[in-house]
PDB file of N, CA and C in Angstrom:
ATOM      1  N   MET A   1     100.909 102.504 104.716  1.00  0.00           N
ATOM      2  CA  MET A   1     101.272 101.877 105.968  1.00  0.00           C
ATOM      3  C   MET A   1     102.579 101.119 105.758  1.00  0.00           C
ATOM      4  N   SER A   2     103.472 101.248 106.689  1.00  0.00           N
ATOM      5  CA  SER A   2     104.750 100.538 106.572  1.00  0.00           C
ATOM      6  C   SER A   2     104.519  99.033 106.727  1.00  0.00           C
ATOM      7  N   LEU A   3     105.465  98.264 106.269  1.00  0.00           N
ATOM      8  CA  LEU A   3     105.378  96.810 106.388  1.00  0.00           C
ATOM      9  C   LEU A   3     105.369  96.385 107.853  1.00  0.00           C
ATOM     10  N   ASP A   4     106.182  97.029 108.681  1.00  0.00           N
ATOM     11  CA  ASP A   4     106.202  96.713 110.112  1.00  0.00           C
ATOM     12  C   ASP A   4     104.850  96.988 110.777  1.00  0.00           C
ATOM     13  N   ASP A   5     104.248  98.125 110.443  1.00  0.00           N
ATOM     14  CA  ASP A   5     102.931  98.449 111.001  1.00  0.00           C
ATOM     15  C   ASP A   5     101.878  97.464 110.513  1.00  0.00           C
ATOM     16  N   PHE A   6     101.961  97.083 109.257  1.00  0.00           N
ATOM     17  CA  PHE A   6     101.026  96.117 108.693  1.00  0.00           C
ATOM     18  C   PHE A   6     101.101  94.786 109.449  1.00  0.00           C
ATOM     19  N   ALA A   7     102.308  94.299 109.667  1.00  0.00           N
ATOM     20  CA  ALA A   7     102.500  93.041 110.405  1.00  0.00           C
ATOM     21  C   ALA A   7     101.996  93.170 111.838  1.00  0.00           C
ATOM     22  N   LEU A   8     102.222  94.320 112.459  1.00  0.00           N
ATOM     23  CA  LEU A   8     101.751  94.555 113.823  1.00  0.00           C
ATOM     24  C   LEU A   8     100.218  94.491 113.892  1.00  0.00           C
ATOM     25  N   VAL A   9      99.560  95.095 112.931  1.00  0.00           N
ATOM     26  CA  VAL A   9      98.094  95.062 112.897  1.00  0.00           C
ATOM     27  C   VAL A   9      97.596  93.623 112.785  1.00  0.00           C
ATOM     28  N   LEU A  10      98.200  92.855 111.901  1.00  0.00           N
ATOM     29  CA  LEU A  10      97.779  91.454 111.743  1.00  0.00           C
ATOM     30  C   LEU A  10      97.973  90.676 113.039  1.00  0.00           C
ATOM     31  N   ASP A  11      99.093  90.906 113.699  1.00  0.00           N
ATOM     32  CA  ASP A  11      99.359  90.229 114.969  1.00  0.00           C
ATOM     33  C   ASP A  11      98.338  90.618 116.038  1.00  0.00           C
ATOM     34  N   ARG A  12      98.018  91.882 116.098  1.00  0.00           N
ATOM     35  CA  ARG A  12      97.104  92.377 117.143  1.00  0.00           C
ATOM     36  C   ARG A  12      95.664  91.930 116.906  1.00  0.00           C
ATOM     37  N   VAL A  13      95.268  91.839 115.641  1.00  0.00           N
ATOM     38  CA  VAL A  13      93.898  91.423 115.333  1.00  0.00           C
ATOM     39  C   VAL A  13      93.696  89.955 115.662  1.00  0.00           C
ATOM     40  N   GLY A  14      94.697  89.152 115.412  1.00  0.00           N
ATOM     41  CA  GLY A  14      94.564  87.715 115.643  1.00  0.00           C
ATOM     42  C   GLY A  14      94.163  87.000 114.370  1.00  0.00           C
ATOM     43  N   GLU A  15      93.674  85.781 114.503  1.00  0.00           N
ATOM     44  CA  GLU A  15      93.348  84.953 113.344  1.00  0.00           C
ATOM     45  C   GLU A  15      92.176  85.536 112.556  1.00  0.00           C
ATOM     46  N   HIS A  16      92.277  85.430 111.224  1.00  0.00           N
ATOM     47  CA  HIS A  16      91.217  85.903 110.332  1.00  0.00           C
ATOM     48  C   HIS A  16      91.212  85.009 109.105  1.00  0.00           C
ATOM     49  N   ASN A  17      90.022  84.617 108.645  1.00  0.00           N
ATOM     50  CA  ASN A  17      89.962  83.753 107.469  1.00  0.00           C
ATOM     51  C   ASN A  17      89.021  84.276 106.396  1.00  0.00           C
ATOM     52  N   GLY A  18      88.752  85.560 106.415  1.00  0.00           N
ATOM     53  CA  GLY A  18      87.887  86.166 105.410  1.00  0.00           C
ATOM     54  C   GLY A  18      88.685  86.952 104.388  1.00  0.00           C
ATOM     55  N   ILE A  19      88.019  87.873 103.738  1.00  0.00           N
ATOM     56  CA  ILE A  19      88.652  88.729 102.732  1.00  0.00           C
ATOM     57  C   ILE A  19      89.375  89.877 103.431  1.00  0.00           C
ATOM     58  N   VAL A  20      90.560  90.203 102.929  1.00  0.00           N
ATOM     59  CA  VAL A  20      91.344  91.336 103.428  1.00  0.00           C
ATOM     60  C   VAL A  20      91.555  92.289 102.259  1.00  0.00           C
ATOM     61  N   ASP A  21      91.001  93.488 102.379  1.00  0.00           N
ATOM     62  CA  ASP A  21      91.141  94.485 101.324  1.00  0.00           C
ATOM     63  C   ASP A  21      92.437  95.248 101.503  1.00  0.00           C
ATOM     64  N   LEU A  22      93.284  95.199 100.494  1.00  0.00           N
ATOM     65  CA  LEU A  22      94.553  95.927 100.519  1.00  0.00           C
ATOM     66  C   LEU A  22      94.411  97.176  99.658  1.00  0.00           C
ATOM     67  N   HIS A  23      94.095  98.246 100.322  1.00  0.00           N
ATOM     68  CA  HIS A  23      93.949  99.521  99.629  1.00  0.00           C
ATOM     69  C   HIS A  23      94.371 100.610 100.594  1.00  0.00           C
ATOM     70  N   GLY A  24      94.372 101.778 100.123  1.00  0.00           N
ATOM     71  CA  GLY A  24      94.764 102.883 100.984  1.00  0.00           C
ATOM     72  C   GLY A  24      94.356 104.185 100.350  1.00  0.00           C
ATOM     73  N   PHE A  25      95.244 105.121 100.369  1.00  0.00           N
ATOM     74  CA  PHE A  25      94.960 106.431  99.811  1.00  0.00           C
ATOM     75  C   PHE A  25      95.688 106.554  98.489  1.00  0.00           C
ATOM     76  N   GLY A  26      95.105 105.999  97.457  1.00  0.00           N
ATOM     77  CA  GLY A  26      95.711 106.065  96.132  1.00  0.00           C
ATOM     78  C   GLY A  26      95.790 104.701  95.476  1.00  0.00           C
ATOM     79  N   GLU A  27      96.571 104.621  94.445  1.00  0.00           N
ATOM     80  CA  GLU A  27      96.708 103.421  93.624  1.00  0.00           C
ATOM     81  C   GLU A  27      97.530 102.352  94.337  1.00  0.00           C
ATOM     82  N   PRO A  28      96.941 101.179  94.627  1.00  0.00           N
ATOM     83  CA  PRO A  28      97.675 100.141  95.352  1.00  0.00           C
ATOM     84  C   PRO A  28      98.886  99.599  94.606  1.00  0.00           C
ATOM     85  N   PHE A  29      98.861  99.639  93.275  1.00  0.00           N
ATOM     86  CA  PHE A  29     100.003  99.122  92.512  1.00  0.00           C
ATOM     87  C   PHE A  29     101.235 100.003  92.640  1.00  0.00           C
ATOM     88  N   LEU A  30     101.086 101.201  93.188  1.00  0.00           N
ATOM     89  CA  LEU A  30     102.234 102.081  93.400  1.00  0.00           C
ATOM     90  C   LEU A  30     102.861 101.886  94.777  1.00  0.00           C
ATOM     91  N   ASP A  31     102.291 101.005  95.586  1.00  0.00           N
ATOM     92  CA  ASP A  31     102.843 100.678  96.901  1.00  0.00           C
ATOM     93  C   ASP A  31     104.035  99.745  96.704  1.00  0.00           C
ATOM     94  N   ALA A  32     105.228 100.235  96.958  1.00  0.00           N
ATOM     95  CA  ALA A  32     106.446  99.438  96.753  1.00  0.00           C
ATOM     96  C   ALA A  32     106.488  98.204  97.640  1.00  0.00           C
ATOM     97  N   ALA A  33     105.725  98.213  98.733  1.00  0.00           N
ATOM     98  CA  ALA A  33     105.720  97.077  99.664  1.00  0.00           C
ATOM     99  C   ALA A  33     104.532  96.136  99.453  1.00  0.00           C
ATOM    100  N   LEU A  34     103.788  96.300  98.372  1.00  0.00           N
ATOM    101  CA  LEU A  34     102.585  95.501  98.159  1.00  0.00           C
ATOM    102  C   LEU A  34     102.881  94.002  98.142  1.00  0.00           C
ATOM    103  N   THR A  35     103.874  93.576  97.413  1.00  0.00           N
ATOM    104  CA  THR A  35     104.213  92.151  97.355  1.00  0.00           C
ATOM    105  C   THR A  35     104.623  91.640  98.734  1.00  0.00           C
ATOM    106  N   ALA A  36     105.413  92.401  99.456  1.00  0.00           N
ATOM    107  CA  ALA A  36     105.833  91.998 100.803  1.00  0.00           C
ATOM    108  C   ALA A  36     104.635  91.920 101.743  1.00  0.00           C
ATOM    109  N   LYS A  37     103.692  92.845 101.626  1.00  0.00           N
ATOM    110  CA  LYS A  37     102.491  92.814 102.463  1.00  0.00           C
ATOM    111  C   LYS A  37     101.667  91.562 102.160  1.00  0.00           C
ATOM    112  N   LEU A  38     101.567  91.206 100.895  1.00  0.00           N
ATOM    113  CA  LEU A  38     100.853  89.988 100.529  1.00  0.00           C
ATOM    114  C   LEU A  38     101.525  88.752 101.128  1.00  0.00           C
ATOM    115  N   GLN A  39     102.842  88.743 101.118  1.00  0.00           N
ATOM    116  CA  GLN A  39     103.567  87.609 101.689  1.00  0.00           C
ATOM    117  C   GLN A  39     103.345  87.510 103.197  1.00  0.00           C
ATOM    118  N   VAL A  40     103.405  88.640 103.892  1.00  0.00           N
ATOM    119  CA  VAL A  40     103.168  88.655 105.337  1.00  0.00           C
ATOM    120  C   VAL A  40     101.743  88.204 105.634  1.00  0.00           C
ATOM    121  N   LEU A  41     100.799  88.711 104.881  1.00  0.00           N
ATOM    122  CA  LEU A  41      99.406  88.327 105.057  1.00  0.00           C
ATOM    123  C   LEU A  41      99.220  86.823 104.856  1.00  0.00           C
ATOM    124  N   SER A  42      99.836  86.277 103.826  1.00  0.00           N
ATOM    125  CA  SER A  42      99.731  84.838 103.547  1.00  0.00           C
ATOM    126  C   SER A  42     100.344  83.999 104.659  1.00  0.00           C
ATOM    127  N   GLN A  43     101.417  84.483 105.257  1.00  0.00           N
ATOM    128  CA  GLN A  43     102.070  83.752 106.348  1.00  0.00           C
ATOM    129  C   GLN A  43     101.243  83.803 107.633  1.00  0.00           C
ATOM    130  N   LYS A  44     100.777  84.994 107.985  1.00  0.00           N
ATOM    131  CA  LYS A  44     100.102  85.176 109.262  1.00  0.00           C
ATOM    132  C   LYS A  44      98.642  84.729 109.239  1.00  0.00           C
ATOM    133  N   TRP A  45      97.989  84.898 108.099  1.00  0.00           N
ATOM    134  CA  TRP A  45      96.578  84.527 107.956  1.00  0.00           C
ATOM    135  C   TRP A  45      96.427  83.646 106.710  1.00  0.00           C
ATOM    136  N   PRO A  46      96.876  82.411 106.729  1.00  0.00           N
ATOM    137  CA  PRO A  46      96.884  81.568 105.531  1.00  0.00           C
ATOM    138  C   PRO A  46      95.506  81.276 104.936  1.00  0.00           C
ATOM    139  N   LEU A  47      94.454  81.397 105.715  1.00  0.00           N
ATOM    140  CA  LEU A  47      93.114  81.133 105.193  1.00  0.00           C
ATOM    141  C   LEU A  47      92.417  82.388 104.662  1.00  0.00           C
ATOM    142  N   ALA A  48      93.009  83.544 104.879  1.00  0.00           N
ATOM    143  CA  ALA A  48      92.428  84.801 104.402  1.00  0.00           C
ATOM    144  C   ALA A  48      92.627  84.924 102.892  1.00  0.00           C
ATOM    145  N   LYS A  49      91.773  85.735 102.265  1.00  0.00           N
ATOM    146  CA  LYS A  49      91.865  85.989 100.823  1.00  0.00           C
ATOM    147  C   LYS A  49      92.179  87.469 100.613  1.00  0.00           C
ATOM    148  N   ALA A  50      93.370  87.734 100.106  1.00  0.00           N
ATOM    149  CA  ALA A  50      93.777  89.122  99.853  1.00  0.00           C
ATOM    150  C   ALA A  50      93.073  89.644  98.611  1.00  0.00           C
ATOM    151  N   ARG A  51      92.548  90.872  98.713  1.00  0.00           N
ATOM    152  CA  ARG A  51      91.822  91.461  97.587  1.00  0.00           C
ATOM    153  C   ARG A  51      92.274  92.903  97.388  1.00  0.00           C
ATOM    154  N   LEU A  52      92.409  93.281  96.123  1.00  0.00           N
ATOM    155  CA  LEU A  52      92.561  94.681  95.736  1.00  0.00           C
ATOM    156  C   LEU A  52      91.251  95.059  95.068  1.00  0.00           C
ATOM    157  N   PHE A  53      90.539  96.039  95.627  1.00  0.00           N
ATOM    158  CA  PHE A  53      89.235  96.331  95.059  1.00  0.00           C
ATOM    159  C   PHE A  53      89.162  97.668  94.340  1.00  0.00           C
ATOM    160  N   SER A  54      90.202  98.423  94.365  1.00  0.00           N
ATOM    161  CA  SER A  54      90.170  99.703  93.675  1.00  0.00           C
ATOM    162  C   SER A  54      91.521  99.976  93.041  1.00  0.00           C
ATOM    163  N   THR A  55      91.621  99.663  91.781  1.00  0.00           N
ATOM    164  CA  THR A  55      92.844  99.953  91.040  1.00  0.00           C
ATOM    165  C   THR A  55      92.464 100.355  89.628  1.00  0.00           C
ATOM    166  N   LEU A  56      93.267 101.187  89.060  1.00  0.00           N
ATOM    167  CA  LEU A  56      93.093 101.545  87.655  1.00  0.00           C
ATOM    168  C   LEU A  56      93.937 100.651  86.756  1.00  0.00           C
ATOM    169  N   GLY A  57      94.598  99.668  87.349  1.00  0.00           N
ATOM    170  CA  GLY A  57      95.420  98.761  86.561  1.00  0.00           C
ATOM    171  C   GLY A  57      96.659  99.442  86.016  1.00  0.00           C
ATOM    172  N   VAL A  58      97.307 100.243  86.835  1.00  0.00           N
ATOM    173  CA  VAL A  58      98.507 100.971  86.419  1.00  0.00           C
ATOM    174  C   VAL A  58      99.514 100.010  85.810  1.00  0.00           C
ATOM    175  N   LEU A  59     100.080 100.396  84.696  1.00  0.00           N
ATOM    176  CA  LEU A  59     101.058  99.563  83.996  1.00  0.00           C
ATOM    177  C   LEU A  59     102.295  99.354  84.866  1.00  0.00           C
ATOM    178  N   ARG A  60     102.661  98.096  85.061  1.00  0.00           N
ATOM    179  CA  ARG A  60     103.845  97.732  85.839  1.00  0.00           C
ATOM    180  C   ARG A  60     104.734  96.847  84.984  1.00  0.00           C
ATOM    181  N   HIS A  61     105.864  96.441  85.528  1.00  0.00           N
ATOM    182  CA  HIS A  61     106.830  95.646  84.784  1.00  0.00           C
ATOM    183  C   HIS A  61     106.272  94.255  84.455  1.00  0.00           C
ATOM    184  N   GLU A  62     106.855  93.640  83.438  1.00  0.00           N
ATOM    185  CA  GLU A  62     106.455  92.284  83.065  1.00  0.00           C
ATOM    186  C   GLU A  62     106.699  91.341  84.243  1.00  0.00           C
ATOM    187  N   GLY A  63     105.744  90.507  84.519  1.00  0.00           N
ATOM    188  CA  GLY A  63     105.862  89.571  85.622  1.00  0.00           C
ATOM    189  C   GLY A  63     105.266  90.083  86.925  1.00  0.00           C
ATOM    190  N   PHE A  64     104.823  91.346  86.954  1.00  0.00           N
ATOM    191  CA  PHE A  64     104.268  91.943  88.173  1.00  0.00           C
ATOM    192  C   PHE A  64     103.059  91.159  88.682  1.00  0.00           C
ATOM    193  N   TRP A  65     102.153  90.806  87.778  1.00  0.00           N
ATOM    194  CA  TRP A  65     100.962  90.043  88.164  1.00  0.00           C
ATOM    195  C   TRP A  65     101.349  88.696  88.760  1.00  0.00           C
ATOM    196  N   ASP A  66     102.322  88.047  88.145  1.00  0.00           N
ATOM    197  CA  ASP A  66     102.777  86.752  88.656  1.00  0.00           C
ATOM    198  C   ASP A  66     103.307  86.891  90.084  1.00  0.00           C
ATOM    199  N   LEU A  67     104.066  87.949  90.343  1.00  0.00           N
ATOM    200  CA  LEU A  67     104.597  88.173  91.691  1.00  0.00           C
ATOM    201  C   LEU A  67     103.472  88.366  92.711  1.00  0.00           C
ATOM    202  N   LEU A  68     102.451  89.126  92.330  1.00  0.00           N
ATOM    203  CA  LEU A  68     101.331  89.355  93.239  1.00  0.00           C
ATOM    204  C   LEU A  68     100.585  88.056  93.543  1.00  0.00           C
ATOM    205  N   ILE A  69     100.369  87.260  92.520  1.00  0.00           N
ATOM    206  CA  ILE A  69      99.660  85.988  92.711  1.00  0.00           C
ATOM    207  C   ILE A  69     100.494  85.031  93.554  1.00  0.00           C
ATOM    208  N   GLU A  70     101.769  84.937  93.264  1.00  0.00           N
ATOM    209  CA  GLU A  70     102.655  84.070  94.047  1.00  0.00           C
ATOM    210  C   GLU A  70     102.740  84.527  95.506  1.00  0.00           C
ATOM    211  N   ALA A  71     102.628  85.842  95.729  1.00  0.00           N
ATOM    212  CA  ALA A  71     102.707  86.384  97.086  1.00  0.00           C
ATOM    213  C   ALA A  71     101.403  86.199  97.859  1.00  0.00           C
ATOM    214  N   GLY A  72     100.306  85.893  97.154  1.00  0.00           N
ATOM    215  CA  GLY A  72      99.064  85.610  97.862  1.00  0.00           C
ATOM    216  C   GLY A  72      97.829  86.373  97.419  1.00  0.00           C
ATOM    217  N   LEU A  73      97.922  87.215  96.385  1.00  0.00           N
ATOM    218  CA  LEU A  73      96.739  87.925  95.908  1.00  0.00           C
ATOM    219  C   LEU A  73      95.739  86.923  95.347  1.00  0.00           C
ATOM    220  N   ARG A  74      94.488  86.988  95.793  1.00  0.00           N
ATOM    221  CA  ARG A  74      93.468  86.041  95.362  1.00  0.00           C
ATOM    222  C   ARG A  74      92.330  86.685  94.597  1.00  0.00           C
ATOM    223  N   ILE A  75      92.058  87.968  94.837  1.00  0.00           N
ATOM    224  CA  ILE A  75      90.933  88.644  94.190  1.00  0.00           C
ATOM    225  C   ILE A  75      91.391  90.036  93.765  1.00  0.00           C
ATOM    226  N   ILE A  76      91.018  90.435  92.541  1.00  0.00           N
ATOM    227  CA  ILE A  76      91.291  91.802  92.103  1.00  0.00           C
ATOM    228  C   ILE A  76      90.081  92.315  91.340  1.00  0.00           C
ATOM    229  N   GLU A  77      89.750  93.560  91.589  1.00  0.00           N
ATOM    230  CA  GLU A  77      88.676  94.224  90.875  1.00  0.00           C
ATOM    231  C   GLU A  77      89.262  95.480  90.254  1.00  0.00           C
ATOM    232  N   VAL A  78      89.185  95.591  88.935  1.00  0.00           N
ATOM    233  CA  VAL A  78      89.761  96.718  88.209  1.00  0.00           C
ATOM    234  C   VAL A  78      88.657  97.696  87.855  1.00  0.00           C
ATOM    235  N   SER A  79      88.872  98.970  88.140  1.00  0.00           N
ATOM    236  CA  SER A  79      87.902 100.019  87.842  1.00  0.00           C
ATOM    237  C   SER A  79      88.239 100.666  86.509  1.00  0.00           C
ATOM    238  N   PHE A  80      87.213 100.892  85.725  1.00  0.00           N
ATOM    239  CA  PHE A  80      87.363 101.602  84.456  1.00  0.00           C
ATOM    240  C   PHE A  80      86.484 102.842  84.529  1.00  0.00           C
ATOM    241  N   TYR A  81      87.118 103.990  84.564  1.00  0.00           N
ATOM    242  CA  TYR A  81      86.385 105.233  84.686  1.00  0.00           C
ATOM    243  C   TYR A  81      86.315 105.939  83.337  1.00  0.00           C
ATOM    244  N   GLY A  82      85.219 106.626  83.102  1.00  0.00           N
ATOM    245  CA  GLY A  82      85.063 107.411  81.902  1.00  0.00           C
ATOM    246  C   GLY A  82      84.490 108.770  82.256  1.00  0.00           C
ATOM    247  N   VAL A  83      84.525 109.663  81.300  1.00  0.00           N
ATOM    248  CA  VAL A  83      84.019 111.006  81.555  1.00  0.00           C
ATOM    249  C   VAL A  83      82.580 111.185  81.063  1.00  0.00           C
ATOM    250  N   ASP A  84      82.134 110.271  80.223  1.00  0.00           N
ATOM    251  CA  ASP A  84      80.758 110.311  79.744  1.00  0.00           C
ATOM    252  C   ASP A  84      80.335 108.882  79.363  1.00  0.00           C
ATOM    253  N   SER A  85      79.079 108.694  78.981  1.00  0.00           N
ATOM    254  CA  SER A  85      78.590 107.341  78.702  1.00  0.00           C
ATOM    255  C   SER A  85      79.321 106.696  77.532  1.00  0.00           C
ATOM    256  N   ALA A  86      79.779 107.466  76.577  1.00  0.00           N
ATOM    257  CA  ALA A  86      80.499 106.896  75.423  1.00  0.00           C
ATOM    258  C   ALA A  86      81.871 106.360  75.794  1.00  0.00           C
ATOM    259  N   SER A  87      82.493 106.936  76.814  1.00  0.00           N
ATOM    260  CA  SER A  87      83.837 106.498  77.187  1.00  0.00           C
ATOM    261  C   SER A  87      83.821 105.283  78.085  1.00  0.00           C
ATOM    262  N   TYR A  88      82.656 104.835  78.540  1.00  0.00           N
ATOM    263  CA  TYR A  88      82.560 103.606  79.289  1.00  0.00           C
ATOM    264  C   TYR A  88      82.426 102.472  78.317  1.00  0.00           C
TER     265      TYR A  88
END
């Protein structure tokens, strides 16, 4: 979803103070606008808690986590997948 569409959705929904899941079709850490979306979410819904609930923890640049937290990320759940019981 584009940043403009994301902001439009937040505006149309109105006030929200619960959890907001930021996910889509694929790895959220590959979304180039993720930090900007977190910032918009924090501005428009300051009481909401941004969450990423499905990520494989794709390796990103140093400081990436700090940027996400500063932008408003409050909850993250990392998935660890294996092919058999030994790989878990």
